[in-house]
Amino acid sequence: MTELAVVVLAHTDPVHLKRLVAALEDVPVFLHCDAKTPGHVVQQMTQGLPRRVTLCERLRTSRASWSLVEAELRTLRQAIAASRARHIAVVSGMDYPLLSMPELIDQLAGWDGHSYFRNVPLPFPQWNTRTYRDGGLWRVQHRFITRGGQALLWRDVPLHWPGRRPTPPELEFRASSQWKIYAREHVELLLDVVDRRPDLVRFWRSTHTPDESFAASTLGSRALLGSLAMPPCLAQAWFIAWPDVGSHPRWLTSADFDRLAQARWAPAIGAADAVGAPGYEIRPHRKLFARKFSTRVDVEVLDRIDADLRR
């Protein structure tokens, strides 16, 4: 049985993507290359990949929109159909593991049957904005304007219809991240709900940034899944550096190496400590992946990760 499979959602930087695939060692990889990516770049991304990489159907995606969820779901379906992995990680093409694969898989043994990604109930204070102080409920209580699964923006701001709307009573909304390590059972449950409940899919299509809330909210809704519903989790498997101003993670460089090393060598955390824990924060714990990296920004930091952290 394969312990881990990895879904990679990529749109640029063929050099880093191939280095990421190599760092995933013998793990089966299911690769989605964004349909917006120019053909010559996709050719560079996919040429010469090992046989353990499966190229998945390409969709056009854009930030803050259902298209990102659709790409993830389709690629997850292939991962479930083609592997027996106990866990399936969803990573960006700009991510990189901080551990060797044998050690990372050994770490996940303590999470068997549990998904390893931070998810907490709304309202979530970190999702407040200057306009909305409701802990992120605005993301689902407004009907955002979309076209073909893509969010419409004006001056980089997503547009929505005026007024609030009712939300499906079965849903218990949660804040999460696009980047996750799913338990296989949770992927199967998620895909089953998608297939059974097109009405819920229609609702999520017009929410804001559903890639950060759809999966956790669906899996955590007891009215949908009963005793199989996923409890909240406070552990996060990714090291991410957020700027003081802005909503996007910054690029990681050699100047961040000491923090990356600290994150990699921090004490490991198991599901027993993190799943169902109260509050929003938990003790510092080991990170398994980091994001984001670019060959145009800094490759020496990756050399040091390979030499000193993943040795």
C-alpha atoms as a PDB file:
ATOM      1  CA  MET A   1       0.000   0.000   0.000  1.00  0.00           C
ATOM      2  CA  THR A   2       1.229   3.497  -0.848  1.00  0.00           C
ATOM      3  CA  GLU A   3       1.288   5.651   2.280  1.00  0.00           C
ATOM      4  CA  LEU A   4       1.323   9.022   0.508  1.00  0.00           C
ATOM      5  CA  ALA A   5       0.344  10.517  -2.835  1.00  0.00           C
ATOM      6  CA  VAL A   6       0.807  14.160  -3.767  1.00  0.00           C
ATOM      7  CA  VAL A   7      -1.426  16.397  -5.859  1.00  0.00           C
ATOM      8  CA  VAL A   8       0.610  19.285  -7.309  1.00  0.00           C
ATOM      9  CA  LEU A   9      -1.193  22.375  -8.634  1.00  0.00           C
ATOM     10  CA  ALA A  10       1.327  24.238 -10.775  1.00  0.00           C
ATOM     11  CA  HIS A  11       1.261  27.187 -13.159  1.00  0.00           C
ATOM     12  CA  THR A  12       4.847  28.374 -13.617  1.00  0.00           C
ATOM     13  CA  ASP A  13       8.580  27.791 -12.958  1.00  0.00           C
ATOM     14  CA  PRO A  14       9.402  24.456 -14.654  1.00  0.00           C
ATOM     15  CA  VAL A  15      12.833  24.294 -13.001  1.00  0.00           C
ATOM     16  CA  HIS A  16      11.411  24.443  -9.491  1.00  0.00           C
ATOM     17  CA  LEU A  17       8.572  22.078 -10.344  1.00  0.00           C
ATOM     18  CA  LYS A  18      11.002  19.391 -11.483  1.00  0.00           C
ATOM     19  CA  ARG A  19      13.087  19.907  -8.362  1.00  0.00           C
ATOM     20  CA  LEU A  20       9.937  19.510  -6.260  1.00  0.00           C
ATOM     21  CA  VAL A  21       9.016  16.276  -8.058  1.00  0.00           C
ATOM     22  CA  ALA A  22      12.537  14.942  -7.456  1.00  0.00           C
ATOM     23  CA  ALA A  23      12.319  15.868  -3.760  1.00  0.00           C
ATOM     24  CA  LEU A  24       9.106  13.848  -3.504  1.00  0.00           C
ATOM     25  CA  GLU A  25      11.304  10.845  -4.287  1.00  0.00           C
ATOM     26  CA  ASP A  26       9.289   7.658  -4.937  1.00  0.00           C
ATOM     27  CA  VAL A  27       5.887   9.146  -4.060  1.00  0.00           C
ATOM     28  CA  PRO A  28       3.210   9.055  -6.804  1.00  0.00           C
ATOM     29  CA  VAL A  29       2.487  12.575  -8.069  1.00  0.00           C
ATOM     30  CA  PHE A  30      -0.680  13.809  -9.787  1.00  0.00           C
ATOM     31  CA  LEU A  31       0.182  17.011 -11.625  1.00  0.00           C
ATOM     32  CA  HIS A  32      -2.239  19.739 -12.690  1.00  0.00           C
ATOM     33  CA  CYS A  33      -0.741  22.414 -14.954  1.00  0.00           C
ATOM     34  CA  ASP A  34      -2.954  25.482 -15.228  1.00  0.00           C
ATOM     35  CA  ALA A  35      -4.605  25.876 -18.620  1.00  0.00           C
ATOM     36  CA  LYS A  36      -3.545  29.558 -18.628  1.00  0.00           C
ATOM     37  CA  THR A  37       0.102  28.517 -18.661  1.00  0.00           C
ATOM     38  CA  PRO A  38       1.637  28.957 -22.147  1.00  0.00           C
ATOM     39  CA  GLY A  39       2.171  25.751 -24.086  1.00  0.00           C
ATOM     40  CA  HIS A  40       5.961  26.052 -24.291  1.00  0.00           C
ATOM     41  CA  VAL A  41       6.142  26.445 -20.490  1.00  0.00           C
ATOM     42  CA  VAL A  42       3.920  23.389 -19.962  1.00  0.00           C
ATOM     43  CA  GLN A  43       6.209  21.429 -22.257  1.00  0.00           C
ATOM     44  CA  GLN A  44       9.194  22.402 -20.108  1.00  0.00           C
ATOM     45  CA  MET A  45       7.214  21.477 -16.971  1.00  0.00           C
ATOM     46  CA  THR A  46       6.224  18.027 -18.197  1.00  0.00           C
ATOM     47  CA  GLN A  47       9.073  16.871 -20.416  1.00  0.00           C
ATOM     48  CA  GLY A  48      11.205  14.133 -18.887  1.00  0.00           C
ATOM     49  CA  LEU A  49       9.138  13.605 -15.736  1.00  0.00           C
ATOM     50  CA  PRO A  50       9.407  10.168 -14.083  1.00  0.00           C
ATOM     51  CA  ARG A  51       6.712   7.553 -14.712  1.00  0.00           C
ATOM     52  CA  ARG A  52       5.307   7.990 -11.206  1.00  0.00           C
ATOM     53  CA  VAL A  53       3.937  11.394 -12.311  1.00  0.00           C
ATOM     54  CA  THR A  54       0.411  11.379 -13.761  1.00  0.00           C
ATOM     55  CA  LEU A  55      -0.536  14.375 -15.900  1.00  0.00           C
ATOM     56  CA  CYS A  56      -4.111  15.423 -15.123  1.00  0.00           C
ATOM     57  CA  GLU A  57      -6.706  17.309 -17.121  1.00  0.00           C
ATOM     58  CA  ARG A  58      -5.810  20.993 -17.325  1.00  0.00           C
ATOM     59  CA  LEU A  59      -8.312  23.613 -16.178  1.00  0.00           C
ATOM     60  CA  ARG A  60      -8.096  27.385 -16.300  1.00  0.00           C
ATOM     61  CA  THR A  61      -7.963  28.693 -12.730  1.00  0.00           C
ATOM     62  CA  SER A  62      -7.940  32.089 -11.072  1.00  0.00           C
ATOM     63  CA  ARG A  63      -7.516  33.154  -7.491  1.00  0.00           C
ATOM     64  CA  ALA A  64     -10.449  33.527  -5.092  1.00  0.00           C
ATOM     65  CA  SER A  65     -12.676  31.381  -7.310  1.00  0.00           C
ATOM     66  CA  TRP A  66     -14.261  27.945  -7.560  1.00  0.00           C
ATOM     67  CA  SER A  67     -11.954  27.069 -10.449  1.00  0.00           C
ATOM     68  CA  LEU A  68      -9.175  26.289  -7.958  1.00  0.00           C
ATOM     69  CA  VAL A  69     -11.467  23.898  -6.077  1.00  0.00           C
ATOM     70  CA  GLU A  70     -12.522  22.257  -9.341  1.00  0.00           C
ATOM     71  CA  ALA A  71      -8.897  21.644 -10.320  1.00  0.00           C
ATOM     72  CA  GLU A  72      -8.175  20.167  -6.885  1.00  0.00           C
ATOM     73  CA  LEU A  73     -11.247  17.905  -6.929  1.00  0.00           C
ATOM     74  CA  ARG A  74     -10.569  16.527 -10.395  1.00  0.00           C
ATOM     75  CA  THR A  75      -6.961  15.799  -9.538  1.00  0.00           C
ATOM     76  CA  LEU A  76      -7.947  14.205  -6.227  1.00  0.00           C
ATOM     77  CA  ARG A  77     -10.294  11.880  -8.130  1.00  0.00           C
ATOM     78  CA  GLN A  78      -7.387  10.627 -10.192  1.00  0.00           C
ATOM     79  CA  ALA A  79      -5.220  10.204  -7.114  1.00  0.00           C
ATOM     80  CA  ILE A  80      -7.914   8.142  -5.382  1.00  0.00           C
ATOM     81  CA  ALA A  81      -8.552   6.026  -8.476  1.00  0.00           C
ATOM     82  CA  ALA A  82      -4.902   5.353  -9.272  1.00  0.00           C
ATOM     83  CA  SER A  83      -3.379   4.894  -5.804  1.00  0.00           C
ATOM     84  CA  ARG A  84      -4.099   3.304  -2.448  1.00  0.00           C
ATOM     85  CA  ALA A  85      -2.462   6.159  -0.524  1.00  0.00           C
ATOM     86  CA  ARG A  86      -3.498   6.591   3.105  1.00  0.00           C
ATOM     87  CA  HIS A  87      -2.827  10.340   2.857  1.00  0.00           C
ATOM     88  CA  ILE A  88      -3.001  12.695  -0.112  1.00  0.00           C
ATOM     89  CA  ALA A  89      -1.181  16.026   0.105  1.00  0.00           C
ATOM     90  CA  VAL A  90      -2.316  18.989  -1.992  1.00  0.00           C
ATOM     91  CA  VAL A  91       0.671  21.237  -2.655  1.00  0.00           C
ATOM     92  CA  SER A  92       1.535  24.161  -4.880  1.00  0.00           C
ATOM     93  CA  GLY A  93       4.149  23.948  -7.593  1.00  0.00           C
ATOM     94  CA  MET A  94       6.023  26.576  -5.554  1.00  0.00           C
ATOM     95  CA  ASP A  95       6.207  24.441  -2.388  1.00  0.00           C
ATOM     96  CA  TYR A  96       9.038  22.212  -1.149  1.00  0.00           C
ATOM     97  CA  PRO A  97       9.298  19.499   1.527  1.00  0.00           C
ATOM     98  CA  LEU A  98      11.426  20.161   4.593  1.00  0.00           C
ATOM     99  CA  LEU A  99      11.830  16.453   5.369  1.00  0.00           C
ATOM    100  CA  SER A 100      12.926  13.446   3.374  1.00  0.00           C
ATOM    101  CA  MET A 101      10.013  11.346   2.171  1.00  0.00           C
ATOM    102  CA  PRO A 102      10.690   8.383   4.506  1.00  0.00           C
ATOM    103  CA  GLU A 103      10.692  10.726   7.495  1.00  0.00           C
ATOM    104  CA  LEU A 104       7.644  12.643   6.291  1.00  0.00           C
ATOM    105  CA  ILE A 105       5.710   9.404   5.756  1.00  0.00           C
ATOM    106  CA  ASP A 106       6.799   8.178   9.180  1.00  0.00           C
ATOM    107  CA  GLN A 107       5.477  11.454  10.627  1.00  0.00           C
ATOM    108  CA  LEU A 108       2.093  10.845   8.987  1.00  0.00           C
ATOM    109  CA  ALA A 109       1.807   7.396  10.584  1.00  0.00           C
ATOM    110  CA  GLY A 110       0.584   9.168  13.721  1.00  0.00           C
ATOM    111  CA  TRP A 111      -2.177  10.756  11.641  1.00  0.00           C
ATOM    112  CA  ASP A 112      -3.689   7.604  10.170  1.00  0.00           C
ATOM    113  CA  GLY A 113      -7.391   8.236   9.554  1.00  0.00           C
ATOM    114  CA  HIS A 114      -6.962  11.970  10.265  1.00  0.00           C
ATOM    115  CA  SER A 115      -6.436  14.891   7.903  1.00  0.00           C
ATOM    116  CA  TYR A 116      -3.456  17.084   8.757  1.00  0.00           C
ATOM    117  CA  PHE A 117      -4.434  20.673   8.058  1.00  0.00           C
ATOM    118  CA  ARG A 118      -5.492  23.553  10.213  1.00  0.00           C
ATOM    119  CA  ASN A 119      -9.227  24.206  10.147  1.00  0.00           C
ATOM    120  CA  VAL A 120     -11.277  26.142  12.694  1.00  0.00           C
ATOM    121  CA  PRO A 121     -14.919  27.252  12.876  1.00  0.00           C
ATOM    122  CA  LEU A 122     -16.044  30.631  11.614  1.00  0.00           C
ATOM    123  CA  PRO A 123     -16.004  33.357  12.738  1.00  0.00           C
ATOM    124  CA  PHE A 124     -12.206  33.367  12.487  1.00  0.00           C
ATOM    125  CA  PRO A 125     -10.667  36.684  13.634  1.00  0.00           C
ATOM    126  CA  GLN A 126      -7.789  36.543  11.122  1.00  0.00           C
ATOM    127  CA  TRP A 127     -10.346  36.747   8.307  1.00  0.00           C
ATOM    128  CA  ASN A 128     -11.585  40.156   9.410  1.00  0.00           C
ATOM    129  CA  THR A 129     -11.008  42.968   6.922  1.00  0.00           C
ATOM    130  CA  ARG A 130     -11.318  46.734   7.115  1.00  0.00           C
ATOM    131  CA  THR A 131     -14.748  46.417   5.529  1.00  0.00           C
ATOM    132  CA  TYR A 132     -15.992  43.268   7.242  1.00  0.00           C
ATOM    133  CA  ARG A 133     -15.434  42.531  10.931  1.00  0.00           C
ATOM    134  CA  ASP A 134     -17.418  39.286  11.091  1.00  0.00           C
ATOM    135  CA  GLY A 135     -14.552  36.789  11.109  1.00  0.00           C
ATOM    136  CA  GLY A 136     -14.889  35.783   7.475  1.00  0.00           C
ATOM    137  CA  LEU A 137     -18.617  35.113   7.363  1.00  0.00           C
ATOM    138  CA  TRP A 138     -18.793  37.725   4.602  1.00  0.00           C
ATOM    139  CA  ARG A 139     -17.031  35.237   2.346  1.00  0.00           C
ATOM    140  CA  VAL A 140     -20.086  32.962   2.286  1.00  0.00           C
ATOM    141  CA  GLN A 141     -22.968  35.301   3.154  1.00  0.00           C
ATOM    142  CA  HIS A 142     -22.562  37.370  -0.020  1.00  0.00           C
ATOM    143  CA  ARG A 143     -23.156  36.081  -3.531  1.00  0.00           C
ATOM    144  CA  PHE A 144     -19.986  36.863  -5.452  1.00  0.00           C
ATOM    145  CA  ILE A 145     -20.125  37.486  -9.167  1.00  0.00           C
ATOM    146  CA  THR A 146     -18.442  34.822 -11.257  1.00  0.00           C
ATOM    147  CA  ARG A 147     -18.125  33.888 -14.895  1.00  0.00           C
ATOM    148  CA  GLY A 148     -17.265  30.349 -15.902  1.00  0.00           C
ATOM    149  CA  GLY A 149     -16.060  29.512 -12.398  1.00  0.00           C
ATOM    150  CA  GLN A 150     -13.802  32.586 -12.271  1.00  0.00           C
ATOM    151  CA  ALA A 151     -14.304  35.425  -9.781  1.00  0.00           C
ATOM    152  CA  LEU A 152     -14.813  38.877 -11.300  1.00  0.00           C
ATOM    153  CA  LEU A 153     -12.558  41.551  -9.831  1.00  0.00           C
ATOM    154  CA  TRP A 154     -12.566  45.342  -9.969  1.00  0.00           C
ATOM    155  CA  ARG A 155      -9.247  46.927  -9.047  1.00  0.00           C
ATOM    156  CA  ASP A 156      -8.262  43.573  -7.557  1.00  0.00           C
ATOM    157  CA  VAL A 157     -11.393  43.484  -5.365  1.00  0.00           C
ATOM    158  CA  PRO A 158     -13.906  40.625  -5.872  1.00  0.00           C
ATOM    159  CA  LEU A 159     -17.390  41.834  -6.774  1.00  0.00           C
ATOM    160  CA  HIS A 160     -20.577  40.627  -5.082  1.00  0.00           C
ATOM    161  CA  TRP A 161     -24.279  41.399  -5.269  1.00  0.00           C
ATOM    162  CA  PRO A 162     -25.637  43.765  -2.591  1.00  0.00           C
ATOM    163  CA  GLY A 163     -27.135  42.348   0.578  1.00  0.00           C
ATOM    164  CA  ARG A 164     -26.584  39.104   2.400  1.00  0.00           C
ATOM    165  CA  ARG A 165     -28.094  35.771   1.441  1.00  0.00           C
ATOM    166  CA  PRO A 166     -29.185  32.725   3.421  1.00  0.00           C
ATOM    167  CA  THR A 167     -26.645  29.928   3.624  1.00  0.00           C
ATOM    168  CA  PRO A 168     -27.391  26.171   3.449  1.00  0.00           C
ATOM    169  CA  PRO A 169     -28.438  25.125   6.965  1.00  0.00           C
ATOM    170  CA  GLU A 170     -26.442  21.877   6.757  1.00  0.00           C
ATOM    171  CA  LEU A 171     -23.113  23.660   6.508  1.00  0.00           C
ATOM    172  CA  GLU A 172     -20.853  24.411   9.474  1.00  0.00           C
ATOM    173  CA  PHE A 173     -18.394  26.928   8.064  1.00  0.00           C
ATOM    174  CA  ARG A 174     -14.680  26.678   8.739  1.00  0.00           C
ATOM    175  CA  ALA A 175     -11.542  28.624   7.909  1.00  0.00           C
ATOM    176  CA  SER A 176      -8.725  26.624   6.411  1.00  0.00           C
ATOM    177  CA  SER A 177      -6.086  26.732   3.666  1.00  0.00           C
ATOM    178  CA  GLN A 178      -5.840  25.590   0.086  1.00  0.00           C
ATOM    179  CA  TRP A 179      -2.834  23.445   1.030  1.00  0.00           C
ATOM    180  CA  LYS A 180      -3.748  20.307   2.913  1.00  0.00           C
ATOM    181  CA  ILE A 181      -2.840  16.747   3.775  1.00  0.00           C
ATOM    182  CA  TYR A 182      -6.057  14.741   3.514  1.00  0.00           C
ATOM    183  CA  ALA A 183      -6.778  11.369   5.020  1.00  0.00           C
ATOM    184  CA  ARG A 184      -7.928   9.088   2.216  1.00  0.00           C
ATOM    185  CA  GLU A 185     -11.297   8.616   3.941  1.00  0.00           C
ATOM    186  CA  HIS A 186     -11.907  12.362   3.895  1.00  0.00           C
ATOM    187  CA  VAL A 187     -11.176  12.641   0.174  1.00  0.00           C
ATOM    188  CA  GLU A 188     -13.693   9.877  -0.493  1.00  0.00           C
ATOM    189  CA  LEU A 189     -16.317  11.572   1.692  1.00  0.00           C
ATOM    190  CA  LEU A 190     -15.703  14.941   0.041  1.00  0.00           C
ATOM    191  CA  LEU A 191     -16.076  13.556  -3.476  1.00  0.00           C
ATOM    192  CA  ASP A 192     -19.231  11.699  -2.455  1.00  0.00           C
ATOM    193  CA  VAL A 193     -20.854  14.926  -1.199  1.00  0.00           C
ATOM    194  CA  VAL A 194     -19.858  16.719  -4.415  1.00  0.00           C
ATOM    195  CA  ASP A 195     -21.532  13.977  -6.455  1.00  0.00           C
ATOM    196  CA  ARG A 196     -24.688  13.822  -4.301  1.00  0.00           C
ATOM    197  CA  ARG A 197     -25.254  17.513  -3.667  1.00  0.00           C
ATOM    198  CA  PRO A 198     -25.019  19.673  -6.803  1.00  0.00           C
ATOM    199  CA  ASP A 199     -27.037  22.303  -4.915  1.00  0.00           C
ATOM    200  CA  LEU A 200     -24.177  22.756  -2.452  1.00  0.00           C
ATOM    201  CA  VAL A 201     -21.679  22.970  -5.287  1.00  0.00           C
ATOM    202  CA  ARG A 202     -23.764  25.766  -6.838  1.00  0.00           C
ATOM    203  CA  PHE A 203     -23.678  27.615  -3.518  1.00  0.00           C
ATOM    204  CA  TRP A 204     -19.894  27.295  -3.181  1.00  0.00           C
ATOM    205  CA  ARG A 205     -19.330  28.491  -6.737  1.00  0.00           C
ATOM    206  CA  SER A 206     -20.411  32.009  -5.747  1.00  0.00           C
ATOM    207  CA  THR A 207     -18.501  32.246  -2.448  1.00  0.00           C
ATOM    208  CA  HIS A 208     -15.227  34.115  -1.964  1.00  0.00           C
ATOM    209  CA  THR A 209     -11.994  32.061  -1.999  1.00  0.00           C
ATOM    210  CA  PRO A 210     -13.772  28.703  -1.624  1.00  0.00           C
ATOM    211  CA  ASP A 211     -10.424  26.895  -1.836  1.00  0.00           C
ATOM    212  CA  GLU A 212      -9.841  28.046   1.763  1.00  0.00           C
ATOM    213  CA  SER A 213     -13.175  26.929   3.190  1.00  0.00           C
ATOM    214  CA  PHE A 214     -15.087  24.479   0.972  1.00  0.00           C
ATOM    215  CA  ALA A 215     -13.342  21.230   1.898  1.00  0.00           C
ATOM    216  CA  ALA A 216     -13.054  21.867   5.647  1.00  0.00           C
ATOM    217  CA  SER A 217     -16.625  23.186   5.907  1.00  0.00           C
ATOM    218  CA  THR A 218     -18.071  20.263   3.965  1.00  0.00           C
ATOM    219  CA  LEU A 219     -16.098  17.633   5.880  1.00  0.00           C
ATOM    220  CA  GLY A 220     -16.849  19.310   9.201  1.00  0.00           C
ATOM    221  CA  SER A 221     -20.633  19.521   8.757  1.00  0.00           C
ATOM    222  CA  ARG A 222     -22.352  17.017  11.029  1.00  0.00           C
ATOM    223  CA  ALA A 223     -25.705  17.431   9.256  1.00  0.00           C
ATOM    224  CA  LEU A 224     -24.023  16.132   6.097  1.00  0.00           C
ATOM    225  CA  LEU A 225     -21.730  13.443   7.467  1.00  0.00           C
ATOM    226  CA  GLY A 226     -22.999  12.607  10.949  1.00  0.00           C
ATOM    227  CA  SER A 227     -20.441  10.812  13.096  1.00  0.00           C
ATOM    228  CA  LEU A 228     -17.975  10.808  10.163  1.00  0.00           C
ATOM    229  CA  ALA A 229     -17.704  14.619  10.231  1.00  0.00           C
ATOM    230  CA  MET A 230     -14.142  15.885  10.615  1.00  0.00           C
ATOM    231  CA  PRO A 231     -13.308  17.634  13.912  1.00  0.00           C
ATOM    232  CA  PRO A 232     -11.411  20.945  13.831  1.00  0.00           C
ATOM    233  CA  CYS A 233      -7.613  20.724  13.809  1.00  0.00           C
ATOM    234  CA  LEU A 234      -5.033  23.257  14.991  1.00  0.00           C
ATOM    235  CA  ALA A 235      -1.898  21.745  13.409  1.00  0.00           C
ATOM    236  CA  GLN A 236      -0.483  23.204  10.209  1.00  0.00           C
ATOM    237  CA  ALA A 237       1.992  21.255   8.080  1.00  0.00           C
ATOM    238  CA  TRP A 238       3.312  24.297   6.140  1.00  0.00           C
ATOM    239  CA  PHE A 239       5.849  26.966   6.991  1.00  0.00           C
ATOM    240  CA  ILE A 240       4.638  30.207   5.405  1.00  0.00           C
ATOM    241  CA  ALA A 241       6.084  33.706   5.868  1.00  0.00           C
ATOM    242  CA  TRP A 242       3.441  36.425   5.770  1.00  0.00           C
ATOM    243  CA  PRO A 243       4.406  40.052   5.163  1.00  0.00           C
ATOM    244  CA  ASP A 244       3.361  42.790   7.550  1.00  0.00           C
ATOM    245  CA  VAL A 245       1.175  44.250   4.807  1.00  0.00           C
ATOM    246  CA  GLY A 246      -0.569  42.252   2.106  1.00  0.00           C
ATOM    247  CA  SER A 247      -2.554  39.066   1.749  1.00  0.00           C
ATOM    248  CA  HIS A 248      -0.020  36.908  -0.118  1.00  0.00           C
ATOM    249  CA  PRO A 249       2.895  34.940   1.354  1.00  0.00           C
ATOM    250  CA  ARG A 250       6.289  36.346   0.515  1.00  0.00           C
ATOM    251  CA  TRP A 251       9.040  34.504  -1.317  1.00  0.00           C
ATOM    252  CA  LEU A 252      11.427  32.517   0.869  1.00  0.00           C
ATOM    253  CA  THR A 253      15.160  33.156   0.569  1.00  0.00           C
ATOM    254  CA  SER A 254      18.407  32.209   2.267  1.00  0.00           C
ATOM    255  CA  ALA A 255      17.661  34.902   4.850  1.00  0.00           C
ATOM    256  CA  ASP A 256      14.796  32.667   6.032  1.00  0.00           C
ATOM    257  CA  PHE A 257      16.899  29.539   6.442  1.00  0.00           C
ATOM    258  CA  ASP A 258      17.253  29.726  10.215  1.00  0.00           C
ATOM    259  CA  ARG A 259      13.467  30.000  10.570  1.00  0.00           C
ATOM    260  CA  LEU A 260      12.993  27.110   8.152  1.00  0.00           C
ATOM    261  CA  ALA A 261      15.424  25.000  10.164  1.00  0.00           C
ATOM    262  CA  GLN A 262      13.638  25.888  13.383  1.00  0.00           C
ATOM    263  CA  ALA A 263      10.317  24.863  11.821  1.00  0.00           C
ATOM    264  CA  ARG A 264      11.746  21.611  10.496  1.00  0.00           C
ATOM    265  CA  TRP A 265      13.398  20.563  13.793  1.00  0.00           C
ATOM    266  CA  ALA A 266      10.536  21.631  16.067  1.00  0.00           C
ATOM    267  CA  PRO A 267       8.882  18.811  18.025  1.00  0.00           C
ATOM    268  CA  ALA A 268       6.520  16.716  15.968  1.00  0.00           C
ATOM    269  CA  ILE A 269       2.824  16.859  16.722  1.00  0.00           C
ATOM    270  CA  GLY A 270       0.316  14.034  16.485  1.00  0.00           C
ATOM    271  CA  ALA A 271      -3.382  13.936  15.773  1.00  0.00           C
ATOM    272  CA  ALA A 272      -4.146  13.216  19.417  1.00  0.00           C
ATOM    273  CA  ASP A 273      -2.836  16.663  20.383  1.00  0.00           C
ATOM    274  CA  ALA A 274      -4.162  18.720  17.467  1.00  0.00           C
ATOM    275  CA  VAL A 275      -7.489  17.246  16.343  1.00  0.00           C
ATOM    276  CA  GLY A 276     -10.429  18.571  18.317  1.00  0.00           C
ATOM    277  CA  ALA A 277      -8.252  20.911  20.379  1.00  0.00           C
ATOM    278  CA  PRO A 278      -9.989  24.122  21.520  1.00  0.00           C
ATOM    279  CA  GLY A 279      -9.083  27.644  20.448  1.00  0.00           C
ATOM    280  CA  TYR A 280      -7.167  28.916  17.429  1.00  0.00           C
ATOM    281  CA  GLU A 281      -3.512  28.259  18.262  1.00  0.00           C
ATOM    282  CA  ILE A 282      -1.439  25.316  19.420  1.00  0.00           C
ATOM    283  CA  ARG A 283       2.178  24.878  20.532  1.00  0.00           C
ATOM    284  CA  PRO A 284       4.932  25.300  17.931  1.00  0.00           C
ATOM    285  CA  HIS A 285       5.369  22.063  15.997  1.00  0.00           C
ATOM    286  CA  ARG A 286       7.291  20.584  13.106  1.00  0.00           C
ATOM    287  CA  LYS A 287       6.457  21.771   9.592  1.00  0.00           C
ATOM    288  CA  LEU A 288       6.577  19.259   6.747  1.00  0.00           C
ATOM    289  CA  PHE A 289       6.466  21.653   3.766  1.00  0.00           C
ATOM    290  CA  ALA A 290       7.316  25.296   3.108  1.00  0.00           C
ATOM    291  CA  ARG A 291       6.067  27.828   0.575  1.00  0.00           C
ATOM    292  CA  LYS A 292       6.792  29.680  -1.543  1.00  0.00           C
ATOM    293  CA  PHE A 293       9.979  29.403  -3.606  1.00  0.00           C
ATOM    294  CA  SER A 294      11.117  30.632  -7.019  1.00  0.00           C
ATOM    295  CA  THR A 295      14.197  29.897  -9.078  1.00  0.00           C
ATOM    296  CA  ARG A 296      14.179  33.575 -10.084  1.00  0.00           C
ATOM    297  CA  VAL A 297      14.346  34.670  -6.442  1.00  0.00           C
ATOM    298  CA  ASP A 298      16.702  32.269  -4.646  1.00  0.00           C
ATOM    299  CA  VAL A 299      17.814  28.666  -5.256  1.00  0.00           C
ATOM    300  CA  GLU A 300      20.563  28.580  -2.647  1.00  0.00           C
ATOM    301  CA  VAL A 301      17.962  28.266   0.095  1.00  0.00           C
ATOM    302  CA  LEU A 302      16.769  25.025  -1.548  1.00  0.00           C
ATOM    303  CA  ASP A 303      20.341  23.739  -1.723  1.00  0.00           C
ATOM    304  CA  ARG A 304      20.644  24.297   2.037  1.00  0.00           C
ATOM    305  CA  ILE A 305      17.294  22.626   2.695  1.00  0.00           C
ATOM    306  CA  ASP A 306      18.461  19.551   0.762  1.00  0.00           C
ATOM    307  CA  ALA A 307      21.873  19.468   2.425  1.00  0.00           C
ATOM    308  CA  ASP A 308      20.970  20.318   6.020  1.00  0.00           C
ATOM    309  CA  LEU A 309      17.261  19.576   6.546  1.00  0.00           C
ATOM    310  CA  ARG A 310      16.390  16.740   4.179  1.00  0.00           C
ATOM    311  CA  ARG A 311      19.764  14.970   4.209  1.00  0.00           C
END
